[in-house]
Amino acid sequence: MTRRNKRTSVRRIWVALLGCAMGVQASNASAQMQFGGDGWELTLVGYLRQYVSMNLEDAPENPGDDQFRLSMVRTQFQPSLEGYVGPVNFRLQTRTVREVETGYLEDLEELGANSGDDLVEDIYNTDEIREAYIDFDLTGGTNVRLGRQQVAFGETDFFQALDLIHGFDYTWRSFLVSENEDSRKPLNMLNVTQQVTAWQGALQVLVIPGGSLNRDRDFGTSYGLSGGRWSNQPNKGVDFLNPGVSPYQFDHEEGDADDLKGAVRWTGLAFNGAVNYSLNYLHVHNPDPVFNSVFAPFKGDGPDNGFASLIFPIIDVVGFTASGYSTKMDAVFSTEIAYAMDKPFNVGQDPAVCGAGSTGIAGICGVDEKDVISLMLRMDKQVSWTQQLLKTSRPSFLSIQIFDDYILDLSDSDDLVQLVGYSAEPKSHSVIATAILSLNYANDTINPQLAGGYDISYGGGFVIPSVQFVWGDHWRLKLEADLFFDDGSNKVASPAASQDTTIFGYFANNDQLMARLTYQF
């Protein structure tokens, strides 16, 4: 098939997808399949989902015009078997993903720096077990969950301070997946919860093994480092995971995937049940990798390939969360505070300071550790003014959040960089504000939403307008635009040109239009 024919085919897929969705008849019958008998029950649930996304901007790295080209045609099937046998509950969830190699992805592979990995076959297509666990009460107040599962700590699902148990897979969709359970990497673990009725609380203990019980790649957050559609600009087509460049090093002495990890959480009620709170301790991999180079090996443990590697050091984090309803404000207020000890940062705004000037890679001059305090404040409120102003069918949901990462004892002489490859240095406080407004029309069958965020410390932000259509019990169609605006982005890979490129600058030229059709059963 020629590249032109491929592009024509995927465009026809998009047209057929939207046409099919608009023609779906509402169904009131449940598609859930359930079987049972004396002392057992089995239920099959899940969904079949089709994603299609289109570039709204040109990628400067790729010759030609990439605007309005399809960047993703992804089919995802995710069934779950759940039920019980006697006193034991169980759940088995699998996921199969297949993508079409669009002409745009084909061009990215041909840019010249890829290691030979096929983006679709080796990166985006997956077959995996998402969850496989049993759940039972050991005693009246002790619950045990054993197997592959997900556990979310904290009060926020955006710019997480305490949701660090698992890494995330952002290779195919960056941070834009609204359901965190779809991008979170599950882990095999022992999860024990002990109810303490006298203290109105519960103690939860997680034991996370390494070795053969969890794969190396299950730890840490995976980004678009293989040159695909969500590579940070200006690095589309560049495969940083090439064995000769900076592959993952999961056996580094400070971040060995075989080491035992875990967490402890106490959750309870205070002020006569008016406030939910939690106390947390985590011993886990840092979610983001840092660059370990031969020019300044971290803790003396250099990369195996003689140049550089990416490592996920293990860190200790303590934290506190609280949430409660305010009758005066008619809103729920939440907070999350995390203290991360010895969080790793890359060093070297100018690579020449460690004799690596010829590489042109900022941050290649080692790893330094800093204590970091992360703070989140959020207000969730039902607002009725949308009924008069926007004619919604009921009050709307408004959520406003403020995030702050505070690096303790930071000085210019530390020579830290925010992200390896970019020379922008971090500030003591990195503050981001976000807001979400969810609207409802036609008895909740048409649900627009507007999400946005602004980087108060560095500039730039995002706006994500979307709308979801609901047909009966089974069909959902979501249309979404992902729009980024940046304050300082560079179009060439040069430390000198990246002094002002920070988080939203990484997403420059990545505006997308996405359609997602789901059949859930």
Protein backbone atom coordinates (compact mmCIF):
# COMPACT_ATOMS: atom_id res chain seq x y z
CA MET A 1 0.00 0.00 0.00
CA THR A 2 1.40 3.43 -0.91
CA ARG A 3 1.69 6.16 1.69
CA ARG A 4 -1.00 8.16 -0.08
CA ASN A 5 -3.36 5.18 0.02
CA LYS A 6 -2.61 4.70 3.71
CA ARG A 7 -3.54 8.30 4.45
CA THR A 8 -6.74 7.95 2.45
CA SER A 9 -7.61 4.76 4.32
CA VAL A 10 -7.20 6.23 7.77
CA ARG A 11 -9.23 9.28 6.84
CA ARG A 12 -12.00 6.94 5.70
CA ILE A 13 -11.75 5.16 9.06
CA TRP A 14 -12.33 8.48 10.86
CA VAL A 15 -15.31 9.35 8.66
CA ALA A 16 -16.79 5.88 9.14
CA LEU A 17 -16.19 6.06 12.89
CA LEU A 18 -18.04 9.33 13.34
CA GLY A 19 -20.80 8.32 10.96
CA CYS A 20 -21.35 5.07 12.83
CA ALA A 21 -21.47 6.87 16.16
CA MET A 22 -24.00 9.43 15.02
CA GLY A 23 -26.24 6.65 13.71
CA VAL A 24 -26.27 4.54 16.86
CA GLN A 25 -29.71 3.93 18.36
CA ALA A 26 -30.07 4.28 22.11
CA SER A 27 -30.38 0.97 23.90
CA ASN A 28 -31.89 0.40 27.33
CA ALA A 29 -30.94 -3.27 27.60
CA SER A 30 -27.94 -4.21 29.65
CA ALA A 31 -25.13 -5.96 27.76
CA GLN A 32 -23.60 -7.21 30.98
CA MET A 33 -23.16 -10.99 30.99
CA GLN A 34 -23.59 -12.57 34.39
CA PHE A 35 -23.56 -16.18 35.50
CA GLY A 36 -23.95 -17.62 38.96
CA GLY A 37 -24.91 -20.48 41.18
CA ASP A 38 -24.85 -21.56 44.78
CA GLY A 39 -21.86 -19.76 46.32
CA TRP A 40 -20.36 -18.34 43.13
CA GLU A 41 -20.89 -15.58 40.58
CA LEU A 42 -19.10 -14.52 37.40
CA THR A 43 -19.63 -11.24 35.51
CA LEU A 44 -18.11 -10.13 32.21
CA VAL A 45 -17.77 -6.36 31.77
CA GLY A 46 -15.50 -4.11 29.74
CA TYR A 47 -15.36 -2.01 26.62
CA LEU A 48 -14.28 -1.80 22.99
CA ARG A 49 -12.86 1.60 22.16
CA GLN A 50 -11.70 3.36 19.00
CA TYR A 51 -9.42 6.41 19.14
CA VAL A 52 -8.64 8.70 16.22
CA SER A 53 -6.53 11.85 16.53
CA MET A 54 -5.40 14.49 14.07
CA ASN A 55 -2.57 17.00 14.20
CA LEU A 56 -3.70 20.62 14.35
CA GLU A 57 -0.14 21.93 13.90
CA ASP A 58 2.91 21.09 11.84
CA ALA A 59 5.82 19.24 13.46
CA PRO A 60 8.91 21.29 12.47
CA GLU A 61 11.20 18.25 12.79
CA ASN A 62 9.45 16.47 9.94
CA PRO A 63 9.79 17.81 6.36
CA GLY A 64 6.50 18.76 4.78
CA ASP A 65 3.28 19.89 6.37
CA ASP A 66 1.87 17.66 9.13
CA GLN A 67 -1.16 19.80 9.93
CA PHE A 68 -4.44 17.84 9.63
CA ARG A 69 -2.62 14.50 9.29
CA LEU A 70 -3.79 11.58 11.40
CA SER A 71 -1.46 10.93 14.32
CA MET A 72 -3.34 8.05 15.95
CA VAL A 73 -5.81 5.35 14.88
CA ARG A 74 -5.97 3.09 17.93
CA THR A 75 -8.34 0.23 18.77
CA GLN A 76 -8.49 -0.91 22.38
CA PHE A 77 -10.34 -3.94 23.77
CA GLN A 78 -10.45 -4.25 27.55
CA PRO A 79 -12.64 -7.04 29.03
CA SER A 80 -12.86 -7.92 32.72
CA LEU A 81 -14.01 -11.05 34.49
CA GLU A 82 -15.00 -10.44 38.09
CA GLY A 83 -16.97 -12.27 40.71
CA TYR A 84 -16.62 -14.49 43.75
CA VAL A 85 -16.29 -18.09 44.82
CA GLY A 86 -17.38 -18.49 48.40
CA PRO A 87 -15.61 -15.85 50.52
CA VAL A 88 -13.03 -15.00 47.84
CA ASN A 89 -13.62 -12.20 45.34
CA PHE A 90 -11.53 -12.05 42.16
CA ARG A 91 -10.91 -9.87 39.12
CA LEU A 92 -9.10 -10.53 35.83
CA GLN A 93 -8.75 -7.69 33.35
CA THR A 94 -6.83 -7.84 30.08
CA ARG A 95 -6.16 -5.28 27.36
CA THR A 96 -5.34 -5.65 23.69
CA VAL A 97 -4.30 -2.61 21.65
CA ARG A 98 -3.74 -2.38 17.91
CA GLU A 99 -2.87 0.74 15.93
CA VAL A 100 -2.81 1.64 12.26
CA GLU A 101 0.56 2.89 11.03
CA THR A 102 -0.48 6.29 9.72
CA GLY A 103 1.62 8.10 7.19
CA TYR A 104 2.67 10.55 9.89
CA LEU A 105 4.05 7.78 12.11
CA GLU A 106 5.81 6.28 9.11
CA ASP A 107 7.50 9.63 8.46
CA LEU A 108 8.66 9.87 12.08
CA GLU A 109 10.32 6.47 11.78
CA GLU A 110 12.14 7.63 8.66
CA LEU A 111 13.67 10.76 10.21
CA GLY A 112 16.92 8.86 10.70
CA ALA A 113 17.55 8.55 14.43
CA ASN A 114 15.34 5.59 15.29
CA SER A 115 17.06 2.44 16.54
CA GLY A 116 15.02 0.17 14.33
CA ASP A 117 12.01 -0.16 16.62
CA ASP A 118 8.71 -0.07 14.81
CA LEU A 119 6.61 2.55 16.61
CA VAL A 120 3.36 0.68 16.09
CA GLU A 121 4.53 -2.91 16.54
CA ASP A 122 7.08 -2.32 19.30
CA ILE A 123 5.71 0.68 21.19
CA TYR A 124 1.98 1.23 20.69
CA ASN A 125 0.60 -2.29 20.13
CA THR A 126 0.26 -4.16 23.42
CA ASP A 127 -1.26 -7.30 24.91
CA GLU A 128 -1.26 -7.23 28.69
CA ILE A 129 -2.89 -8.34 31.90
CA ARG A 130 -4.07 -5.17 33.60
CA GLU A 131 -5.43 -6.72 36.80
CA ALA A 132 -5.40 -10.24 38.23
CA TYR A 133 -6.06 -10.47 41.95
CA ILE A 134 -8.00 -12.22 44.66
CA ASP A 135 -9.65 -10.35 47.51
CA PHE A 136 -10.74 -11.86 50.82
CA ASP A 137 -11.27 -11.04 54.50
CA LEU A 138 -8.65 -12.69 56.65
CA THR A 139 -10.60 -11.77 59.78
CA GLY A 140 -13.61 -9.58 60.43
CA GLY A 141 -11.57 -6.40 60.10
CA THR A 142 -8.64 -7.48 57.92
CA ASN A 143 -8.89 -7.47 54.13
CA VAL A 144 -6.23 -8.95 51.84
CA ARG A 145 -5.88 -8.25 48.13
CA LEU A 146 -3.14 -10.25 46.42
CA GLY A 147 -2.03 -10.02 42.81
CA ARG A 148 -1.77 -7.51 39.97
CA GLN A 149 -3.67 -4.34 40.88
CA GLN A 150 -3.72 -0.55 41.08
CA VAL A 151 -3.68 1.53 44.26
CA ALA A 152 -4.09 5.30 44.14
CA PHE A 153 -2.88 7.45 47.02
CA GLY A 154 -3.72 11.12 47.49
CA GLU A 155 -6.53 13.52 46.68
CA THR A 156 -5.75 14.50 43.11
CA ASP A 157 -5.49 12.76 39.75
CA PHE A 158 -3.55 15.59 38.11
CA PHE A 159 0.10 16.55 38.79
CA GLN A 160 0.21 13.91 41.49
CA ALA A 161 2.02 14.57 44.75
CA LEU A 162 1.24 11.25 46.44
CA ASP A 163 -0.10 9.06 43.63
CA LEU A 164 3.38 7.58 43.24
CA ILE A 165 2.84 3.87 43.86
CA HIS A 166 2.67 3.24 40.12
CA GLY A 167 4.33 4.75 37.11
CA PHE A 168 2.26 5.83 34.11
CA ASP A 169 2.44 5.01 30.42
CA TYR A 170 2.49 8.30 28.53
CA THR A 171 4.08 6.95 25.35
CA TRP A 172 0.85 6.93 23.36
CA ARG A 173 -1.20 9.79 24.83
CA SER A 174 1.00 11.89 27.13
CA PHE A 175 -0.79 13.15 30.29
CA LEU A 176 -4.12 13.75 28.53
CA VAL A 177 -5.87 10.46 29.41
CA SER A 178 -8.71 11.57 31.69
CA GLU A 179 -9.10 8.14 33.34
CA ASN A 180 -5.87 7.53 35.23
CA GLU A 181 -6.57 3.82 35.54
CA ASP A 182 -6.09 3.54 31.76
CA SER A 183 -2.54 4.91 31.82
CA ARG A 184 -1.39 3.78 35.28
CA LYS A 185 0.98 0.78 35.23
CA PRO A 186 -0.39 -2.04 37.42
CA LEU A 187 1.89 -3.94 39.81
CA ASN A 188 1.84 -7.29 41.53
CA MET A 189 1.66 -6.64 45.26
CA LEU A 190 0.31 -7.64 48.63
CA ASN A 191 -2.30 -5.13 49.80
CA VAL A 192 -3.53 -5.54 53.38
CA THR A 193 -6.05 -3.21 55.05
CA GLN A 194 -6.81 -3.41 58.78
CA GLN A 195 -9.92 -1.62 60.02
CA VAL A 196 -9.50 0.11 63.38
CA THR A 197 -13.06 0.91 64.38
CA ALA A 198 -12.18 2.41 67.75
CA TRP A 199 -10.10 5.10 66.03
CA GLN A 200 -12.47 5.60 63.07
CA GLY A 201 -9.80 4.62 60.60
CA ALA A 202 -7.92 1.94 58.70
CA LEU A 203 -4.27 1.02 58.23
CA GLN A 204 -3.21 -0.07 54.74
CA VAL A 205 0.14 -1.76 54.00
CA LEU A 206 1.49 -2.40 50.48
CA VAL A 207 4.38 -4.77 49.79
CA ILE A 208 5.70 -4.45 46.23
CA PRO A 209 8.24 -7.09 45.16
CA GLY A 210 10.69 -6.80 42.31
CA GLY A 211 12.42 -9.64 40.55
CA SER A 212 10.29 -12.06 38.55
CA LEU A 213 7.02 -10.92 40.17
CA ASN A 214 7.16 -7.49 38.50
CA ARG A 215 8.84 -6.67 35.20
CA ASP A 216 11.45 -3.93 35.10
CA ARG A 217 9.32 -1.85 32.73
CA ASP A 218 6.41 -1.92 35.20
CA PHE A 219 8.25 0.65 37.34
CA GLY A 220 8.57 4.37 36.61
CA THR A 221 6.71 6.56 34.15
CA SER A 222 7.25 5.94 30.44
CA TYR A 223 7.36 8.99 28.16
CA GLY A 224 7.54 9.34 24.38
CA LEU A 225 11.30 8.83 24.23
CA SER A 226 11.30 6.57 21.15
CA GLY A 227 10.65 9.36 18.65
CA GLY A 228 6.87 8.91 18.39
CA ARG A 229 3.96 11.31 18.23
CA TRP A 230 4.31 12.49 21.84
CA SER A 231 8.05 13.11 21.87
CA ASN A 232 8.92 16.48 23.38
CA GLN A 233 9.66 19.03 20.72
CA PRO A 234 12.04 19.25 18.94
CA ASN A 235 12.77 15.52 19.26
CA LYS A 236 10.21 13.72 17.12
CA GLY A 237 11.95 10.90 15.32
CA VAL A 238 14.78 10.76 17.88
CA ASP A 239 15.02 7.44 19.74
CA PHE A 240 16.68 8.22 23.08
CA LEU A 241 16.11 4.61 24.17
CA ASN A 242 18.51 3.37 21.52
CA PRO A 243 20.92 0.96 23.30
CA GLY A 244 23.81 3.18 22.28
CA VAL A 245 22.23 6.41 23.58
CA SER A 246 20.33 6.24 26.89
CA PRO A 247 18.41 3.01 27.48
CA TYR A 248 16.75 2.32 30.81
CA GLN A 249 19.09 0.98 33.49
CA PHE A 250 16.89 -0.93 35.92
CA ASP A 251 19.77 -2.43 37.92
CA HIS A 252 21.34 0.85 39.08
CA GLU A 253 22.24 0.62 42.76
CA GLU A 254 20.02 3.62 43.60
CA GLY A 255 17.04 2.40 41.59
CA ASP A 256 17.21 -1.37 41.30
CA ALA A 257 13.89 -2.75 40.09
CA ASP A 258 14.60 -5.95 42.04
CA ASP A 259 14.55 -4.10 45.37
CA LEU A 260 11.54 -4.38 47.65
CA LYS A 261 9.23 -1.36 47.62
CA GLY A 262 6.10 -0.51 49.51
CA ALA A 263 3.89 1.98 51.29
CA VAL A 264 1.84 2.51 54.44
CA ARG A 265 -1.31 4.64 54.69
CA TRP A 266 -3.56 5.51 57.59
CA THR A 267 -6.99 6.86 56.62
CA GLY A 268 -9.48 8.18 59.09
CA LEU A 269 -12.16 10.67 60.10
CA ALA A 270 -11.71 13.76 62.26
CA PHE A 271 -13.95 16.43 63.75
CA ASN A 272 -16.89 14.07 64.21
CA GLY A 273 -16.57 12.76 60.68
CA ALA A 274 -16.51 16.17 59.01
CA VAL A 275 -12.97 15.71 57.64
CA ASN A 276 -11.44 12.73 55.84
CA TYR A 277 -7.69 12.59 56.26
CA SER A 278 -4.74 10.30 55.56
CA LEU A 279 -1.12 9.92 56.65
CA ASN A 280 1.18 8.32 54.10
CA TYR A 281 4.67 6.87 53.77
CA LEU A 282 6.02 5.59 50.45
CA HIS A 283 9.28 3.86 49.50
CA VAL A 284 9.01 3.80 45.70
CA HIS A 285 10.78 4.63 42.47
CA ASN A 286 10.91 8.32 41.54
CA PRO A 287 8.19 8.61 38.87
CA ASP A 288 10.39 10.48 36.39
CA PRO A 289 13.70 9.10 35.12
CA VAL A 290 16.99 10.99 35.43
CA PHE A 291 19.96 10.89 33.06
CA ASN A 292 23.00 8.95 34.29
CA SER A 293 26.11 9.64 32.18
CA VAL A 294 29.75 8.58 32.12
CA PHE A 295 30.73 12.24 32.59
CA ALA A 296 29.36 12.20 36.17
CA PRO A 297 27.98 8.76 37.14
CA PHE A 298 25.32 8.88 39.85
CA LYS A 299 26.73 7.40 43.08
CA GLY A 300 29.62 6.05 41.01
CA ASP A 301 27.43 3.53 39.18
CA GLY A 302 27.87 4.40 35.52
CA PRO A 303 25.77 3.35 32.52
CA ASP A 304 26.29 -0.09 31.03
CA ASN A 305 26.66 1.19 27.46
CA GLY A 306 29.61 3.48 28.22
CA PHE A 307 27.70 6.71 27.52
CA ALA A 308 24.39 7.25 29.31
CA SER A 309 21.27 5.61 30.71
CA LEU A 310 17.94 6.52 32.27
CA ILE A 311 17.37 5.48 35.88
CA PHE A 312 14.51 5.64 38.38
CA PRO A 313 16.08 6.18 41.83
CA ILE A 314 14.09 4.94 44.81
CA ILE A 315 12.92 7.76 47.08
CA ASP A 316 11.10 8.11 50.40
CA VAL A 317 7.99 10.27 50.60
CA VAL A 318 5.79 11.21 53.56
CA GLY A 319 2.50 12.95 53.08
CA PHE A 320 -0.81 14.16 54.43
CA THR A 321 -4.22 14.61 52.79
CA ALA A 322 -7.50 16.06 54.01
CA SER A 323 -10.91 16.84 52.56
CA GLY A 324 -14.14 18.14 53.95
CA TYR A 325 -17.37 19.92 53.10
CA SER A 326 -17.86 23.60 53.90
CA THR A 327 -21.50 24.54 54.47
CA LYS A 328 -20.63 28.23 54.26
CA MET A 329 -19.06 27.87 50.80
CA ASP A 330 -21.24 24.91 49.77
CA ALA A 331 -18.11 23.25 48.43
CA VAL A 332 -15.69 20.42 49.15
CA PHE A 333 -12.12 21.52 49.94
CA SER A 334 -9.17 19.18 49.64
CA THR A 335 -5.46 19.40 50.26
CA GLU A 336 -2.48 17.16 49.67
CA ILE A 337 1.04 17.72 51.02
CA ALA A 338 4.00 15.49 50.20
CA TYR A 339 7.59 15.72 51.42
CA ALA A 340 9.94 13.88 49.05
CA MET A 341 13.40 13.23 50.45
CA ASP A 342 16.42 13.25 48.14
CA LYS A 343 14.45 13.72 44.94
CA PRO A 344 16.87 13.48 41.98
CA PHE A 345 17.54 16.31 39.49
CA ASN A 346 19.92 16.44 36.56
CA VAL A 347 22.84 18.87 36.62
CA GLY A 348 24.61 20.96 33.98
CA GLN A 349 22.87 23.80 32.20
CA ASP A 350 26.00 24.05 30.08
CA PRO A 351 27.37 20.56 29.32
CA ALA A 352 30.85 22.03 28.82
CA VAL A 353 31.30 22.32 32.61
CA CYS A 354 31.87 18.56 32.82
CA GLY A 355 33.69 18.17 29.52
CA ALA A 356 30.57 17.09 27.63
CA GLY A 357 30.14 20.19 25.51
CA SER A 358 30.41 18.22 22.29
CA THR A 359 27.27 16.26 23.17
CA GLY A 360 25.10 19.38 23.25
CA ILE A 361 23.01 17.78 26.00
CA ALA A 362 22.05 19.99 28.93
CA GLY A 363 21.77 18.08 32.20
CA ILE A 364 24.41 15.50 31.32
CA CYS A 365 26.73 16.53 34.16
CA GLY A 366 25.38 14.33 36.92
CA VAL A 367 22.51 14.00 39.39
CA ASP A 368 21.91 16.04 42.53
CA GLU A 369 19.34 15.34 45.24
CA LYS A 370 17.02 17.87 46.83
CA ASP A 371 14.18 17.65 49.29
CA VAL A 372 10.91 18.77 47.69
CA ILE A 373 7.58 19.75 49.25
CA SER A 374 4.59 19.36 46.93
CA LEU A 375 1.33 21.09 47.84
CA MET A 376 -2.13 20.79 46.29
CA LEU A 377 -5.22 22.82 47.19
CA ARG A 378 -8.57 22.14 45.50
CA MET A 379 -12.17 23.32 45.63
CA ASP A 380 -14.98 21.23 44.12
CA LYS A 381 -18.37 22.94 43.85
CA GLN A 382 -21.74 22.55 42.18
CA VAL A 383 -22.53 25.88 40.50
CA SER A 384 -26.08 26.81 39.53
CA TRP A 385 -25.28 29.93 37.52
CA THR A 386 -24.76 27.78 34.41
CA GLN A 387 -28.48 26.97 34.38
CA GLN A 388 -29.34 30.60 33.74
CA LEU A 389 -26.29 31.65 31.73
CA LEU A 390 -25.61 28.50 29.70
CA LYS A 391 -29.04 26.79 29.98
CA THR A 392 -27.65 23.58 31.46
CA SER A 393 -30.19 20.99 32.58
CA ARG A 394 -28.83 20.96 36.15
CA PRO A 395 -26.11 22.63 38.25
CA SER A 396 -22.61 22.12 36.86
CA PHE A 397 -19.42 20.81 38.43
CA LEU A 398 -16.51 23.22 38.93
CA SER A 399 -13.09 22.20 40.21
CA ILE A 400 -10.20 24.60 40.81
CA GLN A 401 -6.75 23.35 41.83
CA ILE A 402 -3.42 24.94 42.71
CA PHE A 403 -0.18 22.93 42.69
CA ASP A 404 3.19 24.00 44.04
CA ASP A 405 6.49 22.11 44.01
CA TYR A 406 8.90 23.77 46.45
CA ILE A 407 12.57 22.76 46.17
CA LEU A 408 14.27 23.31 49.51
CA ASP A 409 17.70 24.96 49.75
CA LEU A 410 17.88 25.65 46.01
CA SER A 411 20.65 27.96 44.80
CA ASP A 412 22.03 29.00 41.43
CA SER A 413 25.28 27.18 42.18
CA ASP A 414 23.39 23.86 42.15
CA ASP A 415 23.23 24.20 38.35
CA LEU A 416 20.09 22.05 38.11
CA VAL A 417 17.96 21.65 34.99
CA GLN A 418 14.25 20.97 34.91
CA LEU A 419 14.60 18.28 32.26
CA VAL A 420 17.65 16.75 30.63
CA GLY A 421 18.15 18.13 27.13
CA TYR A 422 16.83 21.57 28.11
CA SER A 423 18.89 24.16 29.95
CA ALA A 424 16.05 25.90 31.80
CA GLU A 425 16.77 25.86 35.53
CA PRO A 426 14.04 25.15 38.09
CA LYS A 427 12.76 27.83 40.42
CA SER A 428 12.25 27.28 44.12
CA HIS A 429 8.49 27.34 43.58
CA SER A 430 6.81 25.85 40.51
CA VAL A 431 3.14 26.81 40.67
CA ILE A 432 0.43 25.62 38.28
CA ALA A 433 -3.28 26.44 38.44
CA THR A 434 -5.95 24.30 36.77
CA ALA A 435 -9.72 24.44 36.46
CA ILE A 436 -12.41 22.11 35.12
CA LEU A 437 -16.03 23.03 34.34
CA SER A 438 -18.35 20.15 33.45
CA LEU A 439 -21.77 20.89 31.93
CA ASN A 440 -24.80 18.68 31.36
CA TYR A 441 -27.59 18.91 28.77
CA ALA A 442 -30.49 16.75 27.59
CA ASN A 443 -30.68 14.63 30.74
CA ASP A 444 -26.91 14.12 30.84
CA THR A 445 -26.73 12.73 27.30
CA ILE A 446 -24.69 15.72 26.05
CA ASN A 447 -21.88 16.66 28.41
CA PRO A 448 -19.45 19.42 27.42
CA GLN A 449 -16.37 20.08 29.53
CA LEU A 450 -13.71 22.76 29.57
CA ALA A 451 -10.38 22.09 31.28
CA GLY A 452 -7.45 24.47 31.41
CA GLY A 453 -4.24 25.19 33.21
CA TYR A 454 -1.66 27.96 33.50
CA ASP A 455 1.94 27.75 34.63
CA ILE A 456 2.22 30.71 37.00
CA SER A 457 5.96 30.29 37.53
CA TYR A 458 7.18 29.77 33.95
CA GLY A 459 4.33 30.76 31.66
CA GLY A 460 2.41 28.67 29.17
CA GLY A 461 -0.54 26.38 29.69
CA PHE A 462 -3.24 24.32 28.04
CA VAL A 463 -6.93 24.42 27.16
CA ILE A 464 -8.91 21.22 26.55
CA PRO A 465 -12.51 21.69 25.38
CA SER A 466 -14.45 18.43 24.95
CA VAL A 467 -17.95 17.03 24.70
CA GLN A 468 -19.23 13.52 25.39
CA PHE A 469 -22.40 12.12 23.84
CA VAL A 470 -24.23 9.28 25.60
CA TRP A 471 -26.50 6.77 23.84
CA GLY A 472 -28.22 4.33 26.16
CA ASP A 473 -26.20 2.08 28.42
CA HIS A 474 -23.47 1.18 25.97
CA TRP A 475 -22.32 3.86 23.53
CA ARG A 476 -20.18 6.90 24.32
CA LEU A 477 -18.56 9.35 21.90
CA LYS A 478 -16.04 11.90 23.12
CA LEU A 479 -14.68 14.73 20.95
CA GLU A 480 -11.73 16.64 22.37
CA ALA A 481 -9.24 19.33 21.34
CA ASP A 482 -5.85 19.44 23.11
CA LEU A 483 -4.45 22.94 22.76
CA PHE A 484 -1.11 24.04 24.26
CA PHE A 485 0.34 27.51 24.49
CA ASP A 486 3.93 27.96 25.53
CA ASP A 487 6.16 30.72 26.77
CA GLY A 488 9.54 29.85 25.34
CA SER A 489 9.96 26.88 23.04
CA ASN A 490 12.86 25.95 20.81
CA LYS A 491 12.88 24.31 17.41
CA VAL A 492 16.49 23.13 17.50
CA ALA A 493 18.16 20.75 19.96
CA SER A 494 20.57 23.20 21.59
CA PRO A 495 21.11 24.06 25.28
CA ALA A 496 21.53 27.73 24.44
CA ALA A 497 18.20 27.78 22.62
CA SER A 498 16.28 26.03 25.41
CA GLN A 499 16.86 28.31 28.41
CA ASP A 500 13.18 29.29 28.49
CA THR A 501 11.68 25.96 27.47
CA THR A 502 9.75 24.41 30.36
CA ILE A 503 6.85 22.04 30.81
CA PHE A 504 4.39 23.49 28.31
CA GLY A 505 7.18 24.41 25.92
CA TYR A 506 7.83 20.68 25.60
CA PHE A 507 4.37 20.34 24.05
CA ALA A 508 4.79 23.11 21.47
CA ASN A 509 3.45 22.16 18.00
CA ASN A 510 1.47 19.26 19.49
CA ASP A 511 -2.10 20.57 19.30
CA GLN A 512 -4.46 17.67 18.59
CA LEU A 513 -8.07 16.90 17.76
CA MET A 514 -9.23 13.56 19.17
CA ALA A 515 -12.35 11.41 18.75
CA ARG A 516 -13.04 8.44 21.05
CA LEU A 517 -15.92 6.04 20.47
CA THR A 518 -16.64 3.47 23.20
CA TYR A 519 -18.96 0.50 23.37
CA GLN A 520 -19.14 -0.62 26.99
CA PHE A 521 -20.61 -3.91 28.13
